[in-house]
Amino acid sequence: MKKITLSEYLAGEGTQKQLADALGIQQTAVSQMARSGRNIEVTIYANGRIEAHEIRKLPAKPKRYAA
């Protein structure tokens, strides 16, 4: 198992189209993820399976308090 960032994957492991096909999404979605600067981690398993996860703080949005 190998975990790398989305930018590292696109720089050396594969193309946006290859990643999109492996994840079952459109290439444009991968392009948008890459351009947005989101913290996406790509996991490549020994059997070739690929997963991607977004790493975010919890809670993602701060609570809004009533005035």
Protein backbone atom coordinates (compact mmCIF):
# COMPACT_ATOMS: atom_id res chain seq x y z
CA MET A 1 0.00 0.00 0.00
CA LYS A 2 1.30 3.43 -0.96
CA LYS A 3 -0.21 6.76 0.15
CA ILE A 4 0.65 9.90 -1.79
CA THR A 5 -0.90 13.30 -2.41
CA LEU A 6 -2.99 13.94 -5.49
CA SER A 7 -0.31 16.21 -6.96
CA GLU A 8 2.37 13.52 -6.43
CA TYR A 9 0.13 10.94 -8.14
CA LEU A 10 -0.42 13.20 -11.15
CA ALA A 11 3.28 14.08 -11.35
CA GLY A 12 4.59 10.53 -11.43
CA GLU A 13 2.05 7.72 -11.10
CA GLY A 14 -0.63 8.39 -13.69
CA THR A 15 -2.87 10.81 -15.53
CA GLN A 16 -6.10 12.53 -14.54
CA LYS A 17 -7.99 10.18 -16.88
CA GLN A 18 -6.42 7.05 -15.37
CA LEU A 19 -7.27 8.19 -11.85
CA ALA A 20 -10.81 9.14 -12.84
CA ASP A 21 -11.38 5.73 -14.42
CA ALA A 22 -10.02 3.95 -11.32
CA LEU A 23 -12.28 5.99 -9.02
CA GLY A 24 -15.36 5.79 -11.26
CA ILE A 25 -15.62 9.56 -11.73
CA GLN A 26 -15.18 12.01 -14.60
CA GLN A 27 -11.74 13.36 -15.55
CA THR A 28 -13.08 16.88 -15.03
CA ALA A 29 -13.72 16.08 -11.36
CA VAL A 30 -10.06 15.08 -10.92
CA SER A 31 -9.01 18.28 -12.70
CA GLN A 32 -11.16 20.35 -10.37
CA MET A 33 -9.71 18.59 -7.30
CA ALA A 34 -6.17 19.25 -8.54
CA ARG A 35 -6.82 22.94 -9.27
CA SER A 36 -8.67 23.61 -6.00
CA GLY A 37 -5.68 22.86 -3.78
CA ARG A 38 -7.73 20.50 -1.57
CA ASN A 39 -5.81 18.01 0.55
CA ILE A 40 -6.53 14.79 -1.40
CA GLU A 41 -4.65 11.62 -0.47
CA VAL A 42 -4.45 8.80 -3.03
CA THR A 43 -3.93 5.24 -1.80
CA ILE A 44 -2.55 2.66 -4.24
CA TYR A 45 -2.92 -0.94 -3.04
CA ALA A 46 -0.67 -3.84 -4.06
CA ASN A 47 -3.47 -5.37 -6.15
CA GLY A 48 -3.75 -2.14 -8.19
CA ARG A 49 -6.90 -0.81 -6.53
CA ILE A 50 -6.92 2.95 -6.00
CA GLU A 51 -8.82 5.03 -3.44
CA ALA A 52 -8.80 8.76 -2.79
CA HIS A 53 -9.76 10.62 0.38
CA GLU A 54 -9.97 14.27 1.31
CA ILE A 55 -8.23 15.10 4.58
CA ARG A 56 -10.10 17.82 6.49
CA LYS A 57 -10.28 19.19 10.00
CA LEU A 58 -13.28 18.34 12.16
CA PRO A 59 -15.53 20.19 12.32
CA ALA A 60 -15.08 21.27 8.73
CA LYS A 61 -16.99 24.50 9.31
CA PRO A 62 -16.86 26.49 12.53
CA LYS A 63 -20.06 26.78 14.54
CA ARG A 64 -22.02 29.96 14.16
CA TYR A 65 -23.26 31.41 17.39
CA ALA A 66 -26.41 33.50 17.61
CA ALA A 67 -25.84 37.10 18.64
